[in-house]
Amino acid sequence: MISRLIPIALTLLLAGCDIAALLADPKAVQREADAKAIGGACRYAVRSIEDCYTLNEKASKSLVFQGWKEMDQYMRDNKIDGVPSTVAKPATPAPAEEIIEEEKAKPKAGAKAA
């Protein structure tokens, strides 16, 4: 009787357990959450999705879009206006000035030092 109850009890316990989530790589889960947060932040900052992709090249485009879309729906449902960002895109730095030093003329072998 008990031998029949053990498999049933284990089945019921594991049925409510999300095994895939337990075995997922924590770094991968964090990257996914970050990409979605980037998309949501871009939508709230009234940035286009293309600008968001350009500014965050390392983030997954599909997850950034998913976060952008979720934030868009949330903002429409709650009638929230976006806040335009005031940070300008980083300008390309001017090339550094090259310093050229001229070599001083070496004294000839036969000349005496003064």
N, C-alpha and C. Protein backbone atom coordinates (compact mmCIF):
# COMPACT_ATOMS: atom_id res chain seq x y z
N MET A 1 0.82 -1.19 0.00
CA MET A 1 0.00 0.00 0.00
C MET A 1 0.87 1.26 0.00
N ILE A 2 1.86 1.30 0.88
CA ILE A 2 2.73 2.46 0.96
C ILE A 2 3.57 2.58 -0.30
N SER A 3 3.97 1.46 -0.88
CA SER A 3 4.78 1.50 -2.09
C SER A 3 4.00 2.12 -3.26
N ARG A 4 2.69 2.06 -3.23
CA ARG A 4 1.87 2.68 -4.27
C ARG A 4 1.69 4.18 -4.01
N LEU A 5 1.72 4.59 -2.78
CA LEU A 5 1.50 5.99 -2.43
C LEU A 5 2.74 6.86 -2.71
N ILE A 6 3.91 6.26 -2.59
CA ILE A 6 5.14 7.04 -2.80
C ILE A 6 5.23 7.59 -4.22
N PRO A 7 5.05 6.79 -5.28
CA PRO A 7 5.10 7.38 -6.63
C PRO A 7 4.00 8.42 -6.87
N ILE A 8 2.84 8.19 -6.30
CA ILE A 8 1.74 9.15 -6.47
C ILE A 8 2.09 10.46 -5.77
N ALA A 9 2.65 10.38 -4.57
CA ALA A 9 3.03 11.58 -3.82
C ALA A 9 4.14 12.34 -4.55
N LEU A 10 5.13 11.63 -5.09
CA LEU A 10 6.21 12.28 -5.84
C LEU A 10 5.67 12.96 -7.10
N THR A 11 4.75 12.30 -7.77
CA THR A 11 4.16 12.88 -8.97
C THR A 11 3.42 14.16 -8.66
N LEU A 12 2.67 14.16 -7.57
CA LEU A 12 1.93 15.36 -7.18
C LEU A 12 2.87 16.49 -6.75
N LEU A 13 3.95 16.16 -6.07
CA LEU A 13 4.90 17.18 -5.65
C LEU A 13 5.63 17.80 -6.83
N LEU A 14 6.04 16.98 -7.78
CA LEU A 14 6.79 17.47 -8.93
C LEU A 14 5.90 18.13 -9.98
N ALA A 15 4.60 17.89 -9.93
CA ALA A 15 3.69 18.49 -10.91
C ALA A 15 3.63 20.00 -10.72
N GLY A 16 3.75 20.48 -9.52
CA GLY A 16 3.71 21.91 -9.26
C GLY A 16 5.07 22.57 -9.36
N CYS A 17 6.10 21.81 -9.68
CA CYS A 17 7.46 22.34 -9.71
C CYS A 17 7.85 22.66 -11.15
N ASP A 18 8.37 23.85 -11.36
CA ASP A 18 8.84 24.26 -12.68
C ASP A 18 10.32 23.88 -12.79
N ILE A 19 10.58 22.69 -13.26
CA ILE A 19 11.94 22.16 -13.30
C ILE A 19 12.81 22.96 -14.27
N ALA A 20 12.25 23.42 -15.36
CA ALA A 20 13.05 24.18 -16.33
C ALA A 20 13.57 25.47 -15.71
N ALA A 21 12.77 26.11 -14.87
CA ALA A 21 13.22 27.35 -14.22
C ALA A 21 14.30 27.07 -13.19
N LEU A 22 14.24 25.92 -12.56
CA LEU A 22 15.25 25.58 -11.57
C LEU A 22 16.60 25.29 -12.21
N LEU A 23 16.58 24.78 -13.43
CA LEU A 23 17.82 24.41 -14.11
C LEU A 23 18.37 25.51 -15.01
N ALA A 24 17.68 26.64 -15.12
CA ALA A 24 18.11 27.72 -16.00
C ALA A 24 19.36 28.40 -15.44
N ASP A 25 20.19 28.87 -16.35
CA ASP A 25 21.41 29.58 -15.99
C ASP A 25 21.04 30.96 -15.43
N PRO A 26 21.46 31.29 -14.22
CA PRO A 26 21.08 32.59 -13.64
C PRO A 26 21.57 33.79 -14.44
N LYS A 27 22.73 33.67 -15.07
CA LYS A 27 23.24 34.78 -15.88
C LYS A 27 22.37 35.02 -17.11
N ALA A 28 21.90 33.92 -17.72
CA ALA A 28 21.03 34.06 -18.89
C ALA A 28 19.70 34.68 -18.50
N VAL A 29 19.17 34.29 -17.37
CA VAL A 29 17.92 34.87 -16.89
C VAL A 29 18.10 36.36 -16.61
N GLN A 30 19.24 36.73 -16.04
CA GLN A 30 19.52 38.14 -15.74
C GLN A 30 19.66 38.95 -17.03
N ARG A 31 20.33 38.38 -18.05
CA ARG A 31 20.47 39.09 -19.33
C ARG A 31 19.11 39.32 -19.98
N GLU A 32 18.23 38.32 -19.89
CA GLU A 32 16.89 38.46 -20.46
C GLU A 32 16.12 39.56 -19.74
N ALA A 33 16.19 39.57 -18.42
CA ALA A 33 15.49 40.59 -17.64
C ALA A 33 16.05 41.98 -17.95
N ASP A 34 17.36 42.09 -18.10
CA ASP A 34 17.98 43.37 -18.42
C ASP A 34 17.54 43.87 -19.79
N ALA A 35 17.48 42.98 -20.77
CA ALA A 35 17.08 43.37 -22.12
C ALA A 35 15.64 43.87 -22.13
N LYS A 36 14.77 43.20 -21.39
CA LYS A 36 13.37 43.64 -21.31
C LYS A 36 13.28 44.99 -20.60
N ALA A 37 14.08 45.18 -19.58
CA ALA A 37 14.08 46.45 -18.85
C ALA A 37 14.59 47.58 -19.75
N ILE A 38 15.58 47.29 -20.58
CA ILE A 38 16.10 48.29 -21.51
C ILE A 38 15.00 48.71 -22.48
N GLY A 39 14.26 47.74 -22.99
CA GLY A 39 13.17 48.06 -23.91
C GLY A 39 12.10 48.90 -23.25
N GLY A 40 11.74 48.57 -22.02
CA GLY A 40 10.74 49.35 -21.29
C GLY A 40 11.22 50.76 -21.02
N ALA A 41 12.49 50.89 -20.66
CA ALA A 41 13.05 52.22 -20.39
C ALA A 41 13.10 53.06 -21.66
N CYS A 42 13.41 52.44 -22.78
CA CYS A 42 13.45 53.17 -24.05
C CYS A 42 12.05 53.67 -24.41
N ARG A 43 11.05 52.85 -24.19
CA ARG A 43 9.68 53.27 -24.50
C ARG A 43 9.25 54.42 -23.60
N TYR A 44 9.58 54.34 -22.33
CA TYR A 44 9.21 55.40 -21.40
C TYR A 44 9.95 56.70 -21.72
N ALA A 45 11.15 56.58 -22.27
CA ALA A 45 11.95 57.75 -22.63
C ALA A 45 11.60 58.26 -24.03
N VAL A 46 10.53 57.76 -24.62
CA VAL A 46 10.03 58.15 -25.93
C VAL A 46 11.12 57.99 -27.01
N ARG A 47 11.84 56.89 -26.93
CA ARG A 47 12.83 56.57 -27.96
C ARG A 47 12.22 55.56 -28.92
N SER A 48 12.59 55.66 -30.17
CA SER A 48 12.13 54.67 -31.13
C SER A 48 12.86 53.36 -30.86
N ILE A 49 12.27 52.28 -31.30
CA ILE A 49 12.88 50.97 -31.07
C ILE A 49 14.21 50.86 -31.80
N GLU A 50 14.33 51.53 -32.95
CA GLU A 50 15.59 51.49 -33.69
C GLU A 50 16.70 52.19 -32.92
N ASP A 51 16.37 53.34 -32.30
CA ASP A 51 17.37 54.03 -31.47
C ASP A 51 17.78 53.17 -30.29
N CYS A 52 16.81 52.47 -29.75
CA CYS A 52 17.08 51.60 -28.60
C CYS A 52 18.04 50.47 -29.01
N TYR A 53 17.82 49.91 -30.18
CA TYR A 53 18.73 48.86 -30.67
C TYR A 53 20.14 49.43 -30.87
N THR A 54 20.22 50.63 -31.41
CA THR A 54 21.52 51.24 -31.69
C THR A 54 22.28 51.54 -30.41
N LEU A 55 21.58 52.03 -29.40
CA LEU A 55 22.23 52.40 -28.15
C LEU A 55 22.60 51.19 -27.30
N ASN A 56 21.95 50.05 -27.54
CA ASN A 56 22.18 48.85 -26.72
C ASN A 56 22.44 47.66 -27.64
N GLU A 57 23.59 47.68 -28.27
CA GLU A 57 23.91 46.66 -29.28
C GLU A 57 24.07 45.26 -28.69
N LYS A 58 24.48 45.16 -27.42
CA LYS A 58 24.74 43.85 -26.83
C LYS A 58 23.47 43.14 -26.37
N ALA A 59 22.40 43.88 -26.21
CA ALA A 59 21.15 43.29 -25.73
C ALA A 59 20.43 42.57 -26.87
N SER A 60 19.70 41.53 -26.53
CA SER A 60 18.94 40.76 -27.51
C SER A 60 17.82 41.63 -28.08
N LYS A 61 17.76 41.74 -29.39
CA LYS A 61 16.77 42.60 -30.02
C LYS A 61 15.35 42.11 -29.75
N SER A 62 15.15 40.81 -29.77
CA SER A 62 13.80 40.30 -29.55
C SER A 62 13.32 40.59 -28.12
N LEU A 63 14.21 40.48 -27.15
CA LEU A 63 13.81 40.75 -25.77
C LEU A 63 13.65 42.25 -25.52
N VAL A 64 14.48 43.06 -26.16
CA VAL A 64 14.32 44.51 -26.06
C VAL A 64 12.97 44.91 -26.62
N PHE A 65 12.62 44.35 -27.77
CA PHE A 65 11.32 44.66 -28.38
C PHE A 65 10.18 44.19 -27.50
N GLN A 66 10.32 43.03 -26.90
CA GLN A 66 9.28 42.51 -26.01
C GLN A 66 9.06 43.47 -24.83
N GLY A 67 10.15 43.94 -24.23
CA GLY A 67 10.04 44.89 -23.13
C GLY A 67 9.45 46.22 -23.58
N TRP A 68 9.84 46.67 -24.78
CA TRP A 68 9.32 47.92 -25.34
C TRP A 68 7.82 47.81 -25.56
N LYS A 69 7.40 46.66 -26.10
CA LYS A 69 5.99 46.44 -26.41
C LYS A 69 5.15 46.34 -25.13
N GLU A 70 5.68 45.64 -24.11
CA GLU A 70 4.96 45.53 -22.84
C GLU A 70 4.79 46.91 -22.19
N MET A 71 5.84 47.72 -22.22
CA MET A 71 5.76 49.06 -21.64
C MET A 71 4.80 49.94 -22.44
N ASP A 72 4.80 49.79 -23.76
CA ASP A 72 3.89 50.55 -24.60
C ASP A 72 2.44 50.24 -24.22
N GLN A 73 2.13 48.96 -24.08
CA GLN A 73 0.77 48.57 -23.71
C GLN A 73 0.40 49.08 -22.32
N TYR A 74 1.33 48.99 -21.39
CA TYR A 74 1.10 49.47 -20.03
C TYR A 74 0.84 50.98 -20.03
N MET A 75 1.63 51.71 -20.80
CA MET A 75 1.46 53.17 -20.85
C MET A 75 0.15 53.56 -21.51
N ARG A 76 -0.27 52.81 -22.52
CA ARG A 76 -1.56 53.10 -23.17
C ARG A 76 -2.73 52.78 -22.24
N ASP A 77 -2.64 51.66 -21.53
CA ASP A 77 -3.72 51.27 -20.62
C ASP A 77 -3.89 52.27 -19.48
N ASN A 78 -2.79 52.79 -18.97
CA ASN A 78 -2.84 53.68 -17.81
C ASN A 78 -2.72 55.17 -18.19
N LYS A 79 -2.77 55.45 -19.49
CA LYS A 79 -2.70 56.84 -19.99
C LYS A 79 -1.49 57.59 -19.42
N ILE A 80 -0.33 56.98 -19.55
CA ILE A 80 0.92 57.56 -19.06
C ILE A 80 1.66 58.16 -20.24
N ASP A 81 2.08 59.41 -20.08
CA ASP A 81 2.88 60.05 -21.12
C ASP A 81 4.35 59.75 -20.87
N GLY A 82 5.09 59.57 -21.94
CA GLY A 82 6.52 59.32 -21.82
C GLY A 82 7.26 60.59 -21.43
N VAL A 83 8.45 60.39 -20.93
CA VAL A 83 9.31 61.51 -20.54
C VAL A 83 10.52 61.48 -21.46
N PRO A 84 10.61 62.47 -22.37
CA PRO A 84 11.75 62.46 -23.31
C PRO A 84 13.07 62.55 -22.57
N SER A 85 14.03 61.80 -23.02
CA SER A 85 15.35 61.81 -22.38
C SER A 85 16.08 63.09 -22.74
N THR A 86 16.87 63.58 -21.80
CA THR A 86 17.63 64.80 -22.03
C THR A 86 19.09 64.52 -22.32
N VAL A 87 19.50 63.27 -22.28
CA VAL A 87 20.88 62.90 -22.54
C VAL A 87 21.07 62.81 -24.05
N ALA A 88 22.04 63.54 -24.54
CA ALA A 88 22.34 63.52 -25.97
C ALA A 88 23.17 62.29 -26.30
N LYS A 89 23.10 61.89 -27.53
CA LYS A 89 23.91 60.76 -27.97
C LYS A 89 25.38 61.15 -27.88
N PRO A 90 26.25 60.24 -27.50
CA PRO A 90 27.66 60.58 -27.39
C PRO A 90 28.24 60.93 -28.76
N ALA A 91 28.90 62.08 -28.81
CA ALA A 91 29.52 62.52 -30.06
C ALA A 91 30.83 61.77 -30.26
N THR A 92 31.21 61.63 -31.49
CA THR A 92 32.49 60.97 -31.75
C THR A 92 33.60 61.92 -31.34
N PRO A 93 34.58 61.43 -30.59
CA PRO A 93 35.65 62.31 -30.12
C PRO A 93 36.54 62.76 -31.28
N ALA A 94 37.04 63.98 -31.15
CA ALA A 94 37.95 64.52 -32.16
C ALA A 94 39.26 63.74 -32.10
N PRO A 95 39.91 63.55 -33.23
CA PRO A 95 41.17 62.80 -33.19
C PRO A 95 42.21 63.54 -32.36
N ALA A 96 42.98 62.79 -31.63
CA ALA A 96 44.01 63.38 -30.77
C ALA A 96 45.08 64.04 -31.63
N GLU A 97 45.62 65.13 -31.12
CA GLU A 97 46.64 65.85 -31.85
C GLU A 97 47.95 65.09 -31.76
N GLU A 98 48.60 64.91 -32.88
CA GLU A 98 49.84 64.17 -32.91
C GLU A 98 51.01 65.11 -32.70
N ILE A 99 51.90 64.77 -31.79
CA ILE A 99 53.06 65.60 -31.49
C ILE A 99 54.28 64.97 -32.17
N ILE A 100 54.93 65.78 -32.98
CA ILE A 100 56.12 65.30 -33.69
C ILE A 100 57.31 66.05 -33.14
N GLU A 101 58.26 65.32 -32.64
CA GLU A 101 59.47 65.94 -32.11
C GLU A 101 60.59 65.80 -33.12
N GLU A 102 61.28 66.89 -33.34
CA GLU A 102 62.40 66.86 -34.27
C GLU A 102 63.65 66.49 -33.50
N GLU A 103 64.47 65.69 -34.12
CA GLU A 103 65.72 65.31 -33.47
C GLU A 103 66.73 66.44 -33.63
N LYS A 104 67.48 66.70 -32.58
CA LYS A 104 68.51 67.73 -32.64
C LYS A 104 69.69 67.18 -33.43
N ALA A 105 70.36 68.05 -34.12
CA ALA A 105 71.52 67.64 -34.92
C ALA A 105 72.62 67.15 -34.00
N LYS A 106 73.16 65.99 -34.30
CA LYS A 106 74.24 65.43 -33.49
C LYS A 106 75.56 66.07 -33.91
N PRO A 107 76.45 66.34 -32.98
CA PRO A 107 77.76 66.91 -33.34
C PRO A 107 78.58 65.89 -34.13
N LYS A 108 79.38 66.40 -35.01
CA LYS A 108 80.20 65.53 -35.84
C LYS A 108 81.29 64.92 -35.00
N ALA A 109 81.84 63.82 -35.43
CA ALA A 109 82.84 63.08 -34.67
C ALA A 109 84.12 63.89 -34.46
N GLY A 110 84.51 64.72 -35.39
CA GLY A 110 85.75 65.47 -35.31
C GLY A 110 85.63 66.78 -34.54
N ALA A 111 84.44 67.23 -34.24
CA ALA A 111 84.24 68.53 -33.58
C ALA A 111 84.40 68.38 -32.07
N LYS A 112 84.89 69.45 -31.45
CA LYS A 112 85.05 69.46 -29.99
C LYS A 112 83.82 70.09 -29.34
N ALA A 113 83.49 69.60 -28.18
CA ALA A 113 82.37 70.16 -27.44
C ALA A 113 82.79 71.46 -26.80
N ALA A 114 81.97 72.47 -26.79
CA ALA A 114 82.33 73.76 -26.22
C ALA A 114 82.05 73.85 -24.75
